[in-house]
Amino acid sequence: MQTQVDEFLDYLATEKGSSENTLAAYRNDLTQFTLYLTEQASASSWSDVNQAQIVNYILHMKELEYASSTVARKVAAVKSFFHYLRDEGVIAADPTLTRGGPPGARGRRRSRRRGAPTRAARRGSADHVRAALSTRPRGPVRRGRPRRARAERLRRVQRGQAEAAKQRFEQRTLRLLREAEAAAEAHSQRLRRVSGAAAAALAKAKARRGGNEGDGAKAPGAAE
């Protein structure tokens, strides 16, 4: 069951661009929900989960005196996760959605407007929890290609972009190396030409100095 949670978090990161804080909150809420299902509801897969188990989980959090805002956040995370599982085809039906509210909901709403039961009792009742779960998300549920396929396509595009960038870097590096080798070879040739010219000039200077010394040695004999 944790595998589907990890895939959902990956979907939020790659397709929704969720922040690290958002991902951490979803991870904490869904991990807690998964532990409750496996340890107290004996659920082995997400297709085994029903609405009664979700209601019991919410009542369990209320018994632990979680803040209302915390319970609302965790319920929203659970509902989003089950919408994702349904769209991915992991489950056939979303247990957080029902056709209308619980039986007799209208009568209870009229009685509540007259002042009974109290607001606190409504918040802690199973019927109230079921009614909250039966609320459908605003706006149409987007259909189309499975989200997992879109996420995989996005990963392929990212891998292709990374590979193209790597090839461009390698080509540029190779071009720079070739240019550096060509510049080094040209410099070496210039050094060889300069060295050759210097050696020739030195030889000429030695030859000239040798000739001058020979003429100086003949001069005394000529005077005798």
C-alpha atoms as a PDB file:
ATOM      1  CA  MET A   1       0.000   0.000   0.000  1.00  0.00           C
ATOM      2  CA  GLN A   2       2.926   2.294   0.644  1.00  0.00           C
ATOM      3  CA  THR A   3       3.935   1.880  -3.018  1.00  0.00           C
ATOM      4  CA  GLN A   4       0.813   3.716  -4.190  1.00  0.00           C
ATOM      5  CA  VAL A   5       1.455   6.457  -1.619  1.00  0.00           C
ATOM      6  CA  ASP A   6       4.996   6.936  -2.979  1.00  0.00           C
ATOM      7  CA  GLU A   7       3.661   7.066  -6.557  1.00  0.00           C
ATOM      8  CA  PHE A   8       1.085   9.668  -5.515  1.00  0.00           C
ATOM      9  CA  LEU A   9       3.804  11.809  -3.921  1.00  0.00           C
ATOM     10  CA  ASP A  10       5.882  11.458  -7.094  1.00  0.00           C
ATOM     11  CA  TYR A  11       2.855  12.611  -9.114  1.00  0.00           C
ATOM     12  CA  LEU A  12       2.445  15.667  -6.874  1.00  0.00           C
ATOM     13  CA  ALA A  13       6.126  16.525  -7.280  1.00  0.00           C
ATOM     14  CA  THR A  14       6.453  15.991 -11.049  1.00  0.00           C
ATOM     15  CA  GLU A  15       3.050  17.081 -12.373  1.00  0.00           C
ATOM     16  CA  LYS A  16       1.712  19.432  -9.737  1.00  0.00           C
ATOM     17  CA  GLY A  17       5.040  20.970  -8.759  1.00  0.00           C
ATOM     18  CA  SER A  18       4.180  20.712  -5.057  1.00  0.00           C
ATOM     19  CA  SER A  19       6.658  22.204  -2.597  1.00  0.00           C
ATOM     20  CA  GLU A  20       8.720  20.175  -0.148  1.00  0.00           C
ATOM     21  CA  ASN A  21       6.501  21.330   2.728  1.00  0.00           C
ATOM     22  CA  THR A  22       3.359  20.183   0.910  1.00  0.00           C
ATOM     23  CA  LEU A  23       4.911  16.819   0.072  1.00  0.00           C
ATOM     24  CA  ALA A  24       6.037  16.360   3.674  1.00  0.00           C
ATOM     25  CA  ALA A  25       2.506  17.074   4.936  1.00  0.00           C
ATOM     26  CA  TYR A  26       0.947  14.613   2.479  1.00  0.00           C
ATOM     27  CA  ARG A  27       3.564  11.990   3.349  1.00  0.00           C
ATOM     28  CA  ASN A  28       2.893  12.343   7.072  1.00  0.00           C
ATOM     29  CA  ASP A  29      -0.910  12.291   6.718  1.00  0.00           C
ATOM     30  CA  LEU A  30      -1.057   9.333   4.323  1.00  0.00           C
ATOM     31  CA  THR A  31       1.536   7.309   6.234  1.00  0.00           C
ATOM     32  CA  GLN A  32      -0.518   7.735   9.408  1.00  0.00           C
ATOM     33  CA  PHE A  33      -3.671   6.704   7.531  1.00  0.00           C
ATOM     34  CA  THR A  34      -1.937   3.642   6.064  1.00  0.00           C
ATOM     35  CA  LEU A  35      -0.693   2.527   9.476  1.00  0.00           C
ATOM     36  CA  TYR A  36      -4.197   2.852  10.893  1.00  0.00           C
ATOM     37  CA  LEU A  37      -5.680   0.734   8.107  1.00  0.00           C
ATOM     38  CA  THR A  38      -3.072  -2.025   8.350  1.00  0.00           C
ATOM     39  CA  GLU A  39      -2.930  -2.191  12.145  1.00  0.00           C
ATOM     40  CA  GLN A  40      -6.526  -1.516  13.193  1.00  0.00           C
ATOM     41  CA  ALA A  41      -8.628  -2.183  10.088  1.00  0.00           C
ATOM     42  CA  SER A  42      -6.648  -5.200   8.765  1.00  0.00           C
ATOM     43  CA  ALA A  43      -6.597  -3.747   5.245  1.00  0.00           C
ATOM     44  CA  SER A  44      -4.077  -5.300   2.848  1.00  0.00           C
ATOM     45  CA  SER A  45      -4.823  -3.249  -0.278  1.00  0.00           C
ATOM     46  CA  TRP A  46      -6.535   0.004  -1.157  1.00  0.00           C
ATOM     47  CA  SER A  47      -9.373  -1.836  -2.873  1.00  0.00           C
ATOM     48  CA  ASP A  48     -10.259  -3.296   0.546  1.00  0.00           C
ATOM     49  CA  VAL A  49     -10.860   0.122   2.097  1.00  0.00           C
ATOM     50  CA  ASN A  50     -14.480   1.210   2.485  1.00  0.00           C
ATOM     51  CA  GLN A  51     -16.179   4.336   3.718  1.00  0.00           C
ATOM     52  CA  ALA A  52     -16.898   2.883   7.167  1.00  0.00           C
ATOM     53  CA  GLN A  53     -13.172   2.437   7.779  1.00  0.00           C
ATOM     54  CA  ILE A  54     -12.493   6.024   6.732  1.00  0.00           C
ATOM     55  CA  VAL A  55     -15.258   7.284   9.031  1.00  0.00           C
ATOM     56  CA  ASN A  56     -13.811   5.251  11.906  1.00  0.00           C
ATOM     57  CA  TYR A  57     -10.377   6.751  11.204  1.00  0.00           C
ATOM     58  CA  ILE A  58     -11.776  10.289  11.381  1.00  0.00           C
ATOM     59  CA  LEU A  59     -13.618   9.486  14.612  1.00  0.00           C
ATOM     60  CA  HIS A  60     -10.398   7.953  15.934  1.00  0.00           C
ATOM     61  CA  MET A  61      -8.580  11.257  15.323  1.00  0.00           C
ATOM     62  CA  LYS A  62     -11.387  13.142  17.078  1.00  0.00           C
ATOM     63  CA  GLU A  63     -11.070  10.821  20.061  1.00  0.00           C
ATOM     64  CA  LEU A  64      -7.373  11.693  20.181  1.00  0.00           C
ATOM     65  CA  GLU A  65      -8.503  15.347  20.364  1.00  0.00           C
ATOM     66  CA  TYR A  66      -6.821  16.448  17.150  1.00  0.00           C
ATOM     67  CA  ALA A  67      -7.540  20.045  16.239  1.00  0.00           C
ATOM     68  CA  SER A  68     -10.349  20.522  13.740  1.00  0.00           C
ATOM     69  CA  SER A  69      -7.947  22.121  11.253  1.00  0.00           C
ATOM     70  CA  THR A  70      -5.621  19.115  11.531  1.00  0.00           C
ATOM     71  CA  VAL A  71      -8.466  16.651  10.959  1.00  0.00           C
ATOM     72  CA  ALA A  72      -9.682  18.680   7.972  1.00  0.00           C
ATOM     73  CA  ARG A  73      -6.180  18.661   6.445  1.00  0.00           C
ATOM     74  CA  LYS A  74      -5.797  14.917   6.891  1.00  0.00           C
ATOM     75  CA  VAL A  75      -9.258  14.231   5.438  1.00  0.00           C
ATOM     76  CA  ALA A  76      -8.426  16.423   2.420  1.00  0.00           C
ATOM     77  CA  ALA A  77      -5.200  14.448   1.894  1.00  0.00           C
ATOM     78  CA  VAL A  78      -7.102  11.134   2.062  1.00  0.00           C
ATOM     79  CA  LYS A  79      -9.756  12.330  -0.388  1.00  0.00           C
ATOM     80  CA  SER A  80      -7.155  13.604  -2.861  1.00  0.00           C
ATOM     81  CA  PHE A  81      -5.301  10.309  -2.624  1.00  0.00           C
ATOM     82  CA  PHE A  82      -8.429   8.219  -3.329  1.00  0.00           C
ATOM     83  CA  HIS A  83      -9.341  10.475  -6.286  1.00  0.00           C
ATOM     84  CA  TYR A  84      -5.864   9.732  -7.654  1.00  0.00           C
ATOM     85  CA  LEU A  85      -6.247   5.964  -7.099  1.00  0.00           C
ATOM     86  CA  ARG A  86      -9.589   6.005  -8.911  1.00  0.00           C
ATOM     87  CA  ASP A  87      -8.227   7.940 -11.886  1.00  0.00           C
ATOM     88  CA  GLU A  88      -5.268   5.561 -12.081  1.00  0.00           C
ATOM     89  CA  GLY A  89      -7.559   2.529 -12.085  1.00  0.00           C
ATOM     90  CA  VAL A  90      -6.115   1.152  -8.845  1.00  0.00           C
ATOM     91  CA  ILE A  91      -9.593   1.114  -7.290  1.00  0.00           C
ATOM     92  CA  ALA A  92     -12.945   0.741  -9.021  1.00  0.00           C
ATOM     93  CA  ALA A  93     -14.818   3.256  -6.852  1.00  0.00           C
ATOM     94  CA  ASP A  94     -13.810   6.118  -4.597  1.00  0.00           C
ATOM     95  CA  PRO A  95     -14.951   5.322  -1.032  1.00  0.00           C
ATOM     96  CA  THR A  96     -14.876   9.021  -0.124  1.00  0.00           C
ATOM     97  CA  LEU A  97     -17.661   9.723  -2.649  1.00  0.00           C
ATOM     98  CA  THR A  98     -21.256   8.554  -2.289  1.00  0.00           C
ATOM     99  CA  ARG A  99     -24.518   9.276  -4.059  1.00  0.00           C
ATOM    100  CA  GLY A 100     -25.967  11.952  -1.813  1.00  0.00           C
ATOM    101  CA  GLY A 101     -25.752  12.091   1.972  1.00  0.00           C
ATOM    102  CA  PRO A 102     -26.764   9.485   4.575  1.00  0.00           C
ATOM    103  CA  PRO A 103     -30.438   8.393   4.858  1.00  0.00           C
ATOM    104  CA  GLY A 104     -32.659  11.002   6.428  1.00  0.00           C
ATOM    105  CA  ALA A 105     -30.101  13.768   6.056  1.00  0.00           C
ATOM    106  CA  ARG A 106     -32.673  16.389   5.125  1.00  0.00           C
ATOM    107  CA  GLY A 107     -34.757  15.689   8.221  1.00  0.00           C
ATOM    108  CA  ARG A 108     -31.709  15.993  10.418  1.00  0.00           C
ATOM    109  CA  ARG A 109     -30.708  19.252   8.781  1.00  0.00           C
ATOM    110  CA  ARG A 110     -34.164  20.699   9.583  1.00  0.00           C
ATOM    111  CA  SER A 111     -33.934  19.541  13.175  1.00  0.00           C
ATOM    112  CA  ARG A 112     -30.456  21.031  13.500  1.00  0.00           C
ATOM    113  CA  ARG A 113     -31.760  24.382  12.327  1.00  0.00           C
ATOM    114  CA  ARG A 114     -34.152  24.233  15.285  1.00  0.00           C
ATOM    115  CA  GLY A 115     -31.170  23.855  17.614  1.00  0.00           C
ATOM    116  CA  ALA A 116     -30.745  20.082  18.154  1.00  0.00           C
ATOM    117  CA  PRO A 117     -28.355  18.333  18.192  1.00  0.00           C
ATOM    118  CA  THR A 118     -25.587  20.742  19.121  1.00  0.00           C
ATOM    119  CA  ARG A 119     -22.744  21.823  16.847  1.00  0.00           C
ATOM    120  CA  ALA A 120     -20.213  19.848  18.917  1.00  0.00           C
ATOM    121  CA  ALA A 121     -22.341  16.691  18.664  1.00  0.00           C
ATOM    122  CA  ARG A 122     -22.650  17.106  14.897  1.00  0.00           C
ATOM    123  CA  ARG A 123     -18.875  17.393  14.560  1.00  0.00           C
ATOM    124  CA  GLY A 124     -18.327  14.144  16.454  1.00  0.00           C
ATOM    125  CA  SER A 125     -21.103  12.065  14.884  1.00  0.00           C
ATOM    126  CA  ALA A 126     -20.504   9.359  12.314  1.00  0.00           C
ATOM    127  CA  ASP A 127     -23.390  10.661  10.166  1.00  0.00           C
ATOM    128  CA  HIS A 128     -21.778  14.099  10.034  1.00  0.00           C
ATOM    129  CA  VAL A 129     -18.476  12.564   8.988  1.00  0.00           C
ATOM    130  CA  ARG A 130     -20.180  10.540   6.249  1.00  0.00           C
ATOM    131  CA  ALA A 131     -21.967  13.673   5.036  1.00  0.00           C
ATOM    132  CA  ALA A 132     -18.645  15.509   4.862  1.00  0.00           C
ATOM    133  CA  LEU A 133     -17.074  12.671   2.913  1.00  0.00           C
ATOM    134  CA  SER A 134     -19.989  12.578   0.479  1.00  0.00           C
ATOM    135  CA  THR A 135     -19.232  16.141  -0.637  1.00  0.00           C
ATOM    136  CA  ARG A 136     -17.939  16.033  -4.180  1.00  0.00           C
ATOM    137  CA  PRO A 137     -14.907  18.104  -5.170  1.00  0.00           C
ATOM    138  CA  ARG A 138     -15.635  21.446  -6.804  1.00  0.00           C
ATOM    139  CA  GLY A 139     -15.441  21.485 -10.559  1.00  0.00           C
ATOM    140  CA  PRO A 140     -15.363  18.507 -12.921  1.00  0.00           C
ATOM    141  CA  VAL A 141     -12.869  15.752 -12.328  1.00  0.00           C
ATOM    142  CA  ARG A 142     -10.367  15.921 -15.149  1.00  0.00           C
ATOM    143  CA  ARG A 143     -10.257  12.806 -17.284  1.00  0.00           C
ATOM    144  CA  GLY A 144      -7.851  11.778 -19.974  1.00  0.00           C
ATOM    145  CA  ARG A 145      -4.632   9.850 -19.991  1.00  0.00           C
ATOM    146  CA  PRO A 146      -3.769   8.141 -16.671  1.00  0.00           C
ATOM    147  CA  ARG A 147      -1.637  10.332 -14.492  1.00  0.00           C
ATOM    148  CA  ARG A 148       1.007   7.671 -14.174  1.00  0.00           C
ATOM    149  CA  ALA A 149       1.442   7.640 -17.960  1.00  0.00           C
ATOM    150  CA  ARG A 150       1.738  11.443 -18.018  1.00  0.00           C
ATOM    151  CA  ALA A 151       4.305  11.342 -15.243  1.00  0.00           C
ATOM    152  CA  GLU A 152       6.318   8.710 -17.106  1.00  0.00           C
ATOM    153  CA  ARG A 153       6.146  10.782 -20.302  1.00  0.00           C
ATOM    154  CA  LEU A 154       7.395  13.820 -18.375  1.00  0.00           C
ATOM    155  CA  ARG A 155      10.285  11.786 -16.967  1.00  0.00           C
ATOM    156  CA  ARG A 156      11.197  10.588 -20.481  1.00  0.00           C
ATOM    157  CA  VAL A 157      11.221  14.178 -21.728  1.00  0.00           C
ATOM    158  CA  GLN A 158      13.416  15.239 -18.823  1.00  0.00           C
ATOM    159  CA  ARG A 159      15.812  12.351 -19.458  1.00  0.00           C
ATOM    160  CA  GLY A 160      15.961  13.271 -23.150  1.00  0.00           C
ATOM    161  CA  GLN A 161      16.713  16.894 -22.312  1.00  0.00           C
ATOM    162  CA  ALA A 162      19.451  15.840 -19.888  1.00  0.00           C
ATOM    163  CA  GLU A 163      20.989  13.524 -22.503  1.00  0.00           C
ATOM    164  CA  ALA A 164      20.911  16.274 -25.152  1.00  0.00           C
ATOM    165  CA  ALA A 165      22.580  18.711 -22.744  1.00  0.00           C
ATOM    166  CA  LYS A 166      25.232  16.106 -21.969  1.00  0.00           C
ATOM    167  CA  GLN A 167      25.938  15.566 -25.672  1.00  0.00           C
ATOM    168  CA  ARG A 168      26.209  19.315 -26.264  1.00  0.00           C
ATOM    169  CA  PHE A 169      28.648  19.620 -23.371  1.00  0.00           C
ATOM    170  CA  GLU A 170      30.782  16.740 -24.660  1.00  0.00           C
ATOM    171  CA  GLN A 171      30.840  18.171 -28.192  1.00  0.00           C
ATOM    172  CA  ARG A 172      31.835  21.611 -26.916  1.00  0.00           C
ATOM    173  CA  THR A 173      34.551  20.109 -24.711  1.00  0.00           C
ATOM    174  CA  LEU A 174      35.919  18.095 -27.646  1.00  0.00           C
ATOM    175  CA  ARG A 175      35.935  21.182 -29.858  1.00  0.00           C
ATOM    176  CA  LEU A 176      37.815  23.179 -27.227  1.00  0.00           C
ATOM    177  CA  LEU A 177      40.360  20.390 -26.831  1.00  0.00           C
ATOM    178  CA  ARG A 178      40.962  20.273 -30.578  1.00  0.00           C
ATOM    179  CA  GLU A 179      41.365  24.055 -30.702  1.00  0.00           C
ATOM    180  CA  ALA A 180      43.819  23.889 -27.803  1.00  0.00           C
ATOM    181  CA  GLU A 181      45.822  21.131 -29.542  1.00  0.00           C
ATOM    182  CA  ALA A 182      45.924  23.122 -32.781  1.00  0.00           C
ATOM    183  CA  ALA A 183      47.092  26.240 -30.929  1.00  0.00           C
ATOM    184  CA  ALA A 184      49.785  24.242 -29.126  1.00  0.00           C
ATOM    185  CA  GLU A 185      50.998  22.738 -32.401  1.00  0.00           C
ATOM    186  CA  ALA A 186      51.169  26.178 -34.065  1.00  0.00           C
ATOM    187  CA  HIS A 187      53.103  27.544 -31.100  1.00  0.00           C
ATOM    188  CA  SER A 188      55.504  24.593 -31.270  1.00  0.00           C
ATOM    189  CA  GLN A 189      56.103  25.215 -34.977  1.00  0.00           C
ATOM    190  CA  ARG A 190      56.835  28.890 -34.302  1.00  0.00           C
ATOM    191  CA  LEU A 191      59.300  27.899 -31.600  1.00  0.00           C
ATOM    192  CA  ARG A 192      61.040  25.489 -33.993  1.00  0.00           C
ATOM    193  CA  ARG A 193      61.333  28.195 -36.666  1.00  0.00           C
ATOM    194  CA  VAL A 194      62.691  30.693 -34.166  1.00  0.00           C
ATOM    195  CA  SER A 195      65.116  28.111 -32.798  1.00  0.00           C
ATOM    196  CA  GLY A 196      66.288  27.248 -36.320  1.00  0.00           C
ATOM    197  CA  ALA A 197      66.807  30.890 -37.228  1.00  0.00           C
ATOM    198  CA  ALA A 198      68.676  31.508 -33.981  1.00  0.00           C
ATOM    199  CA  ALA A 199      70.922  28.476 -34.578  1.00  0.00           C
ATOM    200  CA  ALA A 200      71.698  29.656 -38.131  1.00  0.00           C
ATOM    201  CA  ALA A 201      72.509  33.167 -36.918  1.00  0.00           C
ATOM    202  CA  LEU A 202      74.773  31.765 -34.222  1.00  0.00           C
ATOM    203  CA  ALA A 203      76.610  29.597 -36.769  1.00  0.00           C
ATOM    204  CA  LYS A 204      77.138  32.570 -39.039  1.00  0.00           C
ATOM    205  CA  ALA A 205      78.440  34.628 -36.136  1.00  0.00           C
ATOM    206  CA  LYS A 206      80.898  31.874 -35.178  1.00  0.00           C
ATOM    207  CA  ALA A 207      82.060  31.544 -38.783  1.00  0.00           C
ATOM    208  CA  ARG A 208      82.555  35.275 -39.062  1.00  0.00           C
ATOM    209  CA  ARG A 209      84.475  35.392 -35.816  1.00  0.00           C
ATOM    210  CA  GLY A 210      86.660  32.497 -36.974  1.00  0.00           C
ATOM    211  CA  GLY A 211      87.471  34.280 -40.237  1.00  0.00           C
ATOM    212  CA  ASN A 212      88.427  37.460 -38.441  1.00  0.00           C
ATOM    213  CA  GLU A 213      90.794  35.551 -36.148  1.00  0.00           C
ATOM    214  CA  GLY A 214      92.509  33.917 -39.186  1.00  0.00           C
ATOM    215  CA  ASP A 215      93.127  37.267 -40.860  1.00  0.00           C
ATOM    216  CA  GLY A 216      94.637  38.617 -37.683  1.00  0.00           C
ATOM    217  CA  ALA A 217      97.052  35.682 -37.431  1.00  0.00           C
ATOM    218  CA  LYS A 218      98.426  36.268 -41.006  1.00  0.00           C
ATOM    219  CA  ALA A 219      99.102  39.957 -40.550  1.00  0.00           C
ATOM    220  CA  PRO A 220     102.515  39.698 -38.670  1.00  0.00           C
ATOM    221  CA  GLY A 221     104.003  37.355 -41.310  1.00  0.00           C
ATOM    222  CA  ALA A 222     103.100  39.673 -44.067  1.00  0.00           C
ATOM    223  CA  ALA A 223     104.970  42.505 -42.346  1.00  0.00           C
ATOM    224  CA  GLU A 224     108.285  40.495 -42.263  1.00  0.00           C
END
